[in-house]
Amino acid sequence: MYLYLILLSIFIAGLLTKLADMIADDGLKVRALFAYIIGLSYGALGAFIIVSDVYLAPVVIAGIAAVIVTNKIDRKPHNLAIASMFLFLAVWGFPSVNLILLVVFLAAGIVDEIGNDMADRKRINGRLKRIFDYRLISDISAFFASLITGQWIIFLGMAAFTVGYALMEMSESRLEK
């Protein structure tokens, strides 16, 4: 039951993260209050995931750190997500984190974010563009981390987030109507 709750939380965080991107970056029109609720919600989910699973904590922390380092946190829904995540972590406590996994996922996340920017600006094309469009370096890293550690929650968590994010992205044209 616990595994399903964590994976559902990660999936919903993926949906809400892309929805916040659509509002902040793509101009999806929603009430400001709704955008703030989305940010607060996926920040709270991020904190829940961090405190709930020692193997997913470095993945989430590195993902957040990668978007901060690459200067992708620039709009209110994302700012609120970061703020709410830290608020909940202050209340629930900050767990110890495997530094090796954190460094691996931080490096993968930064490469994904830089590659995604290059793909958006049409500096890369073909298969490489598709890899960076979906930020698959982090997913590939999660697969190998799971293979090495035997902790498949890492890959399953990354896959759940990616599926949620991609499903929301696929629904973008329907939401704009």
C-alpha atoms as a PDB file:
ATOM      1  CA  MET A   1       0.000   0.000   0.000  1.00  0.00           C
ATOM      2  CA  TYR A   2       2.846   2.375   0.918  1.00  0.00           C
ATOM      3  CA  LEU A   3       4.530   1.911  -2.469  1.00  0.00           C
ATOM      4  CA  TYR A   4       1.301   2.771  -4.284  1.00  0.00           C
ATOM      5  CA  LEU A   5       0.808   5.916  -2.195  1.00  0.00           C
ATOM      6  CA  ILE A   6       4.343   7.102  -2.944  1.00  0.00           C
ATOM      7  CA  LEU A   7       4.044   6.363  -6.662  1.00  0.00           C
ATOM      8  CA  LEU A   8       0.634   8.053  -6.847  1.00  0.00           C
ATOM      9  CA  SER A   9       2.082  11.094  -5.061  1.00  0.00           C
ATOM     10  CA  ILE A  10       4.962  11.258  -7.533  1.00  0.00           C
ATOM     11  CA  PHE A  11       2.620  10.845 -10.508  1.00  0.00           C
ATOM     12  CA  ILE A  12       0.398  13.690  -9.236  1.00  0.00           C
ATOM     13  CA  ALA A  13       3.509  15.821  -8.613  1.00  0.00           C
ATOM     14  CA  GLY A  14       4.463  15.250 -12.268  1.00  0.00           C
ATOM     15  CA  LEU A  15       0.997  16.325 -13.430  1.00  0.00           C
ATOM     16  CA  LEU A  16       1.019  19.434 -11.235  1.00  0.00           C
ATOM     17  CA  THR A  17       4.583  20.380 -12.169  1.00  0.00           C
ATOM     18  CA  LYS A  18       3.713  20.419 -15.869  1.00  0.00           C
ATOM     19  CA  LEU A  19       0.458  22.241 -15.165  1.00  0.00           C
ATOM     20  CA  ALA A  20       2.452  24.918 -13.316  1.00  0.00           C
ATOM     21  CA  ASP A  21       4.814  25.102 -16.312  1.00  0.00           C
ATOM     22  CA  MET A  22       1.845  25.554 -18.631  1.00  0.00           C
ATOM     23  CA  ILE A  23       0.529  28.407 -16.492  1.00  0.00           C
ATOM     24  CA  ALA A  24       3.869  30.101 -15.840  1.00  0.00           C
ATOM     25  CA  ASP A  25       5.669  29.532 -19.131  1.00  0.00           C
ATOM     26  CA  ASP A  26       3.049  28.774 -21.769  1.00  0.00           C
ATOM     27  CA  GLY A  27       0.396  31.292 -20.741  1.00  0.00           C
ATOM     28  CA  LEU A  28      -2.389  28.880 -19.808  1.00  0.00           C
ATOM     29  CA  LYS A  29      -5.131  31.125 -18.452  1.00  0.00           C
ATOM     30  CA  VAL A  30      -6.327  30.205 -14.974  1.00  0.00           C
ATOM     31  CA  ARG A  31      -7.217  32.209 -11.920  1.00  0.00           C
ATOM     32  CA  ALA A  32      -4.186  33.272  -9.922  1.00  0.00           C
ATOM     33  CA  LEU A  33      -5.516  31.460  -6.861  1.00  0.00           C
ATOM     34  CA  PHE A  34      -5.613  28.178  -8.810  1.00  0.00           C
ATOM     35  CA  ALA A  35      -1.995  28.669  -9.936  1.00  0.00           C
ATOM     36  CA  TYR A  36      -0.952  29.259  -6.331  1.00  0.00           C
ATOM     37  CA  ILE A  37      -2.818  26.172  -5.118  1.00  0.00           C
ATOM     38  CA  ILE A  38      -1.026  24.098  -7.767  1.00  0.00           C
ATOM     39  CA  GLY A  39       2.370  25.397  -6.644  1.00  0.00           C
ATOM     40  CA  LEU A  40       1.640  24.841  -2.972  1.00  0.00           C
ATOM     41  CA  SER A  41       0.321  21.351  -3.701  1.00  0.00           C
ATOM     42  CA  TYR A  42       3.226  20.024  -5.694  1.00  0.00           C
ATOM     43  CA  GLY A  43       5.658  21.551  -3.205  1.00  0.00           C
ATOM     44  CA  ALA A  44       3.872  19.716  -0.380  1.00  0.00           C
ATOM     45  CA  LEU A  45       3.964  16.487  -2.408  1.00  0.00           C
ATOM     46  CA  GLY A  46       7.696  16.951  -2.989  1.00  0.00           C
ATOM     47  CA  ALA A  47       8.274  17.339   0.746  1.00  0.00           C
ATOM     48  CA  PHE A  48       6.108  14.283   1.450  1.00  0.00           C
ATOM     49  CA  ILE A  49       8.150  12.204  -0.986  1.00  0.00           C
ATOM     50  CA  ILE A  50      11.449  13.467   0.462  1.00  0.00           C
ATOM     51  CA  VAL A  51      10.529  12.502   4.030  1.00  0.00           C
ATOM     52  CA  SER A  52       8.815   9.256   3.027  1.00  0.00           C
ATOM     53  CA  ASP A  53      11.526   7.434   1.124  1.00  0.00           C
ATOM     54  CA  VAL A  54      15.274   7.574   1.675  1.00  0.00           C
ATOM     55  CA  TYR A  55      15.962   6.493  -1.932  1.00  0.00           C
ATOM     56  CA  LEU A  56      13.634   9.049  -3.510  1.00  0.00           C
ATOM     57  CA  ALA A  57      14.792  11.949  -1.326  1.00  0.00           C
ATOM     58  CA  PRO A  58      17.996  12.574  -3.336  1.00  0.00           C
ATOM     59  CA  VAL A  59      16.050  12.311  -6.597  1.00  0.00           C
ATOM     60  CA  VAL A  60      13.550  14.990  -5.576  1.00  0.00           C
ATOM     61  CA  ILE A  61      16.131  17.239  -3.935  1.00  0.00           C
ATOM     62  CA  ALA A  62      18.432  16.988  -6.961  1.00  0.00           C
ATOM     63  CA  GLY A  63      15.557  17.709  -9.349  1.00  0.00           C
ATOM     64  CA  ILE A  64      14.654  20.840  -7.411  1.00  0.00           C
ATOM     65  CA  ALA A  65      18.306  21.890  -7.126  1.00  0.00           C
ATOM     66  CA  ALA A  66      18.840  21.369 -10.877  1.00  0.00           C
ATOM     67  CA  VAL A  67      16.010  23.724 -11.823  1.00  0.00           C
ATOM     68  CA  ILE A  68      17.271  26.283  -9.302  1.00  0.00           C
ATOM     69  CA  VAL A  69      20.871  26.052 -10.592  1.00  0.00           C
ATOM     70  CA  THR A  70      19.701  26.410 -14.211  1.00  0.00           C
ATOM     71  CA  ASN A  71      17.503  29.372 -13.247  1.00  0.00           C
ATOM     72  CA  LYS A  72      14.182  27.737 -14.152  1.00  0.00           C
ATOM     73  CA  ILE A  73      12.378  28.859 -10.986  1.00  0.00           C
ATOM     74  CA  ASP A  74      11.168  32.230 -12.173  1.00  0.00           C
ATOM     75  CA  ARG A  75       7.403  32.356 -11.781  1.00  0.00           C
ATOM     76  CA  LYS A  76       5.022  32.395  -8.831  1.00  0.00           C
ATOM     77  CA  PRO A  77       3.666  28.813  -9.050  1.00  0.00           C
ATOM     78  CA  HIS A  78       7.214  27.440  -9.015  1.00  0.00           C
ATOM     79  CA  ASN A  79       8.339  29.838  -6.280  1.00  0.00           C
ATOM     80  CA  LEU A  80       5.380  28.760  -4.159  1.00  0.00           C
ATOM     81  CA  ALA A  81       6.216  25.103  -4.767  1.00  0.00           C
ATOM     82  CA  ILE A  82       9.755  25.611  -3.483  1.00  0.00           C
ATOM     83  CA  ALA A  83       8.541  27.674  -0.520  1.00  0.00           C
ATOM     84  CA  SER A  84       5.873  25.156   0.462  1.00  0.00           C
ATOM     85  CA  MET A  85       8.312  22.278   0.120  1.00  0.00           C
ATOM     86  CA  PHE A  86      10.734  23.978   2.521  1.00  0.00           C
ATOM     87  CA  LEU A  87       7.901  24.895   4.871  1.00  0.00           C
ATOM     88  CA  PHE A  88       6.700  21.292   5.062  1.00  0.00           C
ATOM     89  CA  LEU A  89      10.271  20.031   5.447  1.00  0.00           C
ATOM     90  CA  ALA A  90      10.760  22.463   8.324  1.00  0.00           C
ATOM     91  CA  VAL A  91       7.707  20.959  10.015  1.00  0.00           C
ATOM     92  CA  TRP A  92       8.272  17.290   9.133  1.00  0.00           C
ATOM     93  CA  GLY A  93      12.062  17.293   9.348  1.00  0.00           C
ATOM     94  CA  PHE A  94      14.759  16.939   6.755  1.00  0.00           C
ATOM     95  CA  PRO A  95      15.986  13.360   6.298  1.00  0.00           C
ATOM     96  CA  SER A  96      19.556  12.251   5.791  1.00  0.00           C
ATOM     97  CA  VAL A  97      20.343  11.905   2.108  1.00  0.00           C
ATOM     98  CA  ASN A  98      22.696   9.625   0.183  1.00  0.00           C
ATOM     99  CA  LEU A  99      25.221  12.142  -1.174  1.00  0.00           C
ATOM    100  CA  ILE A 100      26.407   9.932  -4.031  1.00  0.00           C
ATOM    101  CA  LEU A 101      22.868   9.557  -5.375  1.00  0.00           C
ATOM    102  CA  LEU A 102      22.277  13.271  -4.826  1.00  0.00           C
ATOM    103  CA  VAL A 103      25.352  14.214  -6.892  1.00  0.00           C
ATOM    104  CA  VAL A 104      24.472  11.743  -9.671  1.00  0.00           C
ATOM    105  CA  PHE A 105      20.894  13.020  -9.936  1.00  0.00           C
ATOM    106  CA  LEU A 106      21.945  16.653  -9.651  1.00  0.00           C
ATOM    107  CA  ALA A 107      24.382  16.202 -12.556  1.00  0.00           C
ATOM    108  CA  ALA A 108      21.739  14.359 -14.604  1.00  0.00           C
ATOM    109  CA  GLY A 109      19.138  17.035 -13.821  1.00  0.00           C
ATOM    110  CA  ILE A 110      21.441  19.867 -14.842  1.00  0.00           C
ATOM    111  CA  VAL A 111      22.322  18.092 -18.101  1.00  0.00           C
ATOM    112  CA  ASP A 112      18.597  17.516 -18.743  1.00  0.00           C
ATOM    113  CA  GLU A 113      17.695  21.166 -18.099  1.00  0.00           C
ATOM    114  CA  ILE A 114      20.516  22.529 -20.281  1.00  0.00           C
ATOM    115  CA  GLY A 115      19.692  20.014 -23.007  1.00  0.00           C
ATOM    116  CA  ASN A 116      15.993  20.886 -22.771  1.00  0.00           C
ATOM    117  CA  ASP A 117      16.808  24.567 -23.274  1.00  0.00           C
ATOM    118  CA  MET A 118      18.949  23.695 -26.294  1.00  0.00           C
ATOM    119  CA  ALA A 119      16.154  21.550 -27.724  1.00  0.00           C
ATOM    120  CA  ASP A 120      13.616  24.346 -27.178  1.00  0.00           C
ATOM    121  CA  ARG A 121      15.911  26.774 -29.024  1.00  0.00           C
ATOM    122  CA  LYS A 122      16.344  24.232 -31.847  1.00  0.00           C
ATOM    123  CA  ARG A 123      20.097  23.958 -31.287  1.00  0.00           C
ATOM    124  CA  ILE A 124      19.799  20.164 -31.304  1.00  0.00           C
ATOM    125  CA  ASN A 125      17.558  17.938 -33.390  1.00  0.00           C
ATOM    126  CA  GLY A 126      16.628  14.326 -34.014  1.00  0.00           C
ATOM    127  CA  ARG A 127      16.863  11.666 -31.329  1.00  0.00           C
ATOM    128  CA  LEU A 128      18.973  13.856 -29.079  1.00  0.00           C
ATOM    129  CA  LYS A 129      16.215  16.492 -29.134  1.00  0.00           C
ATOM    130  CA  ARG A 130      13.661  13.877 -28.063  1.00  0.00           C
ATOM    131  CA  ILE A 131      15.895  12.720 -25.213  1.00  0.00           C
ATOM    132  CA  PHE A 132      16.133  16.281 -23.913  1.00  0.00           C
ATOM    133  CA  ASP A 133      12.507  17.171 -24.640  1.00  0.00           C
ATOM    134  CA  TYR A 134      11.505  14.507 -22.118  1.00  0.00           C
ATOM    135  CA  ARG A 135      14.552  14.976 -19.847  1.00  0.00           C
ATOM    136  CA  LEU A 136      15.434  11.297 -20.189  1.00  0.00           C
ATOM    137  CA  ILE A 137      18.973  11.572 -18.815  1.00  0.00           C
ATOM    138  CA  SER A 138      17.465  11.635 -15.318  1.00  0.00           C
ATOM    139  CA  ASP A 139      15.292   8.624 -16.158  1.00  0.00           C
ATOM    140  CA  ILE A 140      18.286   6.701 -17.517  1.00  0.00           C
ATOM    141  CA  SER A 141      20.273   7.624 -14.410  1.00  0.00           C
ATOM    142  CA  ALA A 142      17.403   6.388 -12.238  1.00  0.00           C
ATOM    143  CA  PHE A 143      17.388   3.078 -14.102  1.00  0.00           C
ATOM    144  CA  PHE A 144      21.110   2.546 -13.526  1.00  0.00           C
ATOM    145  CA  ALA A 145      20.889   3.712  -9.901  1.00  0.00           C
ATOM    146  CA  SER A 146      18.127   1.147  -9.358  1.00  0.00           C
ATOM    147  CA  LEU A 147      20.158  -1.534 -11.077  1.00  0.00           C
ATOM    148  CA  ILE A 148      23.223  -0.801  -8.934  1.00  0.00           C
ATOM    149  CA  THR A 149      21.419  -0.350  -5.589  1.00  0.00           C
ATOM    150  CA  GLY A 150      18.659  -2.907  -6.129  1.00  0.00           C
ATOM    151  CA  GLN A 151      16.167  -0.207  -5.074  1.00  0.00           C
ATOM    152  CA  TRP A 152      13.682  -0.134  -7.953  1.00  0.00           C
ATOM    153  CA  ILE A 153      11.620   2.548  -6.201  1.00  0.00           C
ATOM    154  CA  ILE A 154      14.122   5.028  -7.676  1.00  0.00           C
ATOM    155  CA  PHE A 155      13.312   4.109 -11.263  1.00  0.00           C
ATOM    156  CA  LEU A 156       9.610   3.565 -10.589  1.00  0.00           C
ATOM    157  CA  GLY A 157       9.401   6.988  -8.933  1.00  0.00           C
ATOM    158  CA  MET A 158      11.180   8.715 -11.803  1.00  0.00           C
ATOM    159  CA  ALA A 159       8.982   6.894 -14.308  1.00  0.00           C
ATOM    160  CA  ALA A 160       5.802   7.857 -12.427  1.00  0.00           C
ATOM    161  CA  PHE A 161       6.831  11.527 -12.427  1.00  0.00           C
ATOM    162  CA  THR A 162       7.753  11.413 -16.128  1.00  0.00           C
ATOM    163  CA  VAL A 163       4.445   9.762 -17.068  1.00  0.00           C
ATOM    164  CA  GLY A 164       2.454  12.355 -15.095  1.00  0.00           C
ATOM    165  CA  TYR A 165       4.414  15.201 -16.648  1.00  0.00           C
ATOM    166  CA  ALA A 166       4.059  13.754 -20.178  1.00  0.00           C
ATOM    167  CA  LEU A 167       0.318  13.101 -19.801  1.00  0.00           C
ATOM    168  CA  MET A 168      -0.274  16.699 -18.750  1.00  0.00           C
ATOM    169  CA  GLU A 169       1.871  17.869 -21.650  1.00  0.00           C
ATOM    170  CA  MET A 170      -0.223  15.785 -24.062  1.00  0.00           C
ATOM    171  CA  SER A 171      -3.396  17.371 -22.723  1.00  0.00           C
ATOM    172  CA  GLU A 172      -2.041  20.916 -23.110  1.00  0.00           C
ATOM    173  CA  SER A 173      -3.863  21.628 -26.366  1.00  0.00           C
ATOM    174  CA  ARG A 174      -7.194  20.514 -24.853  1.00  0.00           C
ATOM    175  CA  LEU A 175      -6.753  22.727 -21.801  1.00  0.00           C
ATOM    176  CA  GLU A 176      -6.045  25.821 -23.899  1.00  0.00           C
ATOM    177  CA  LYS A 177      -9.503  25.782 -25.495  1.00  0.00           C
END
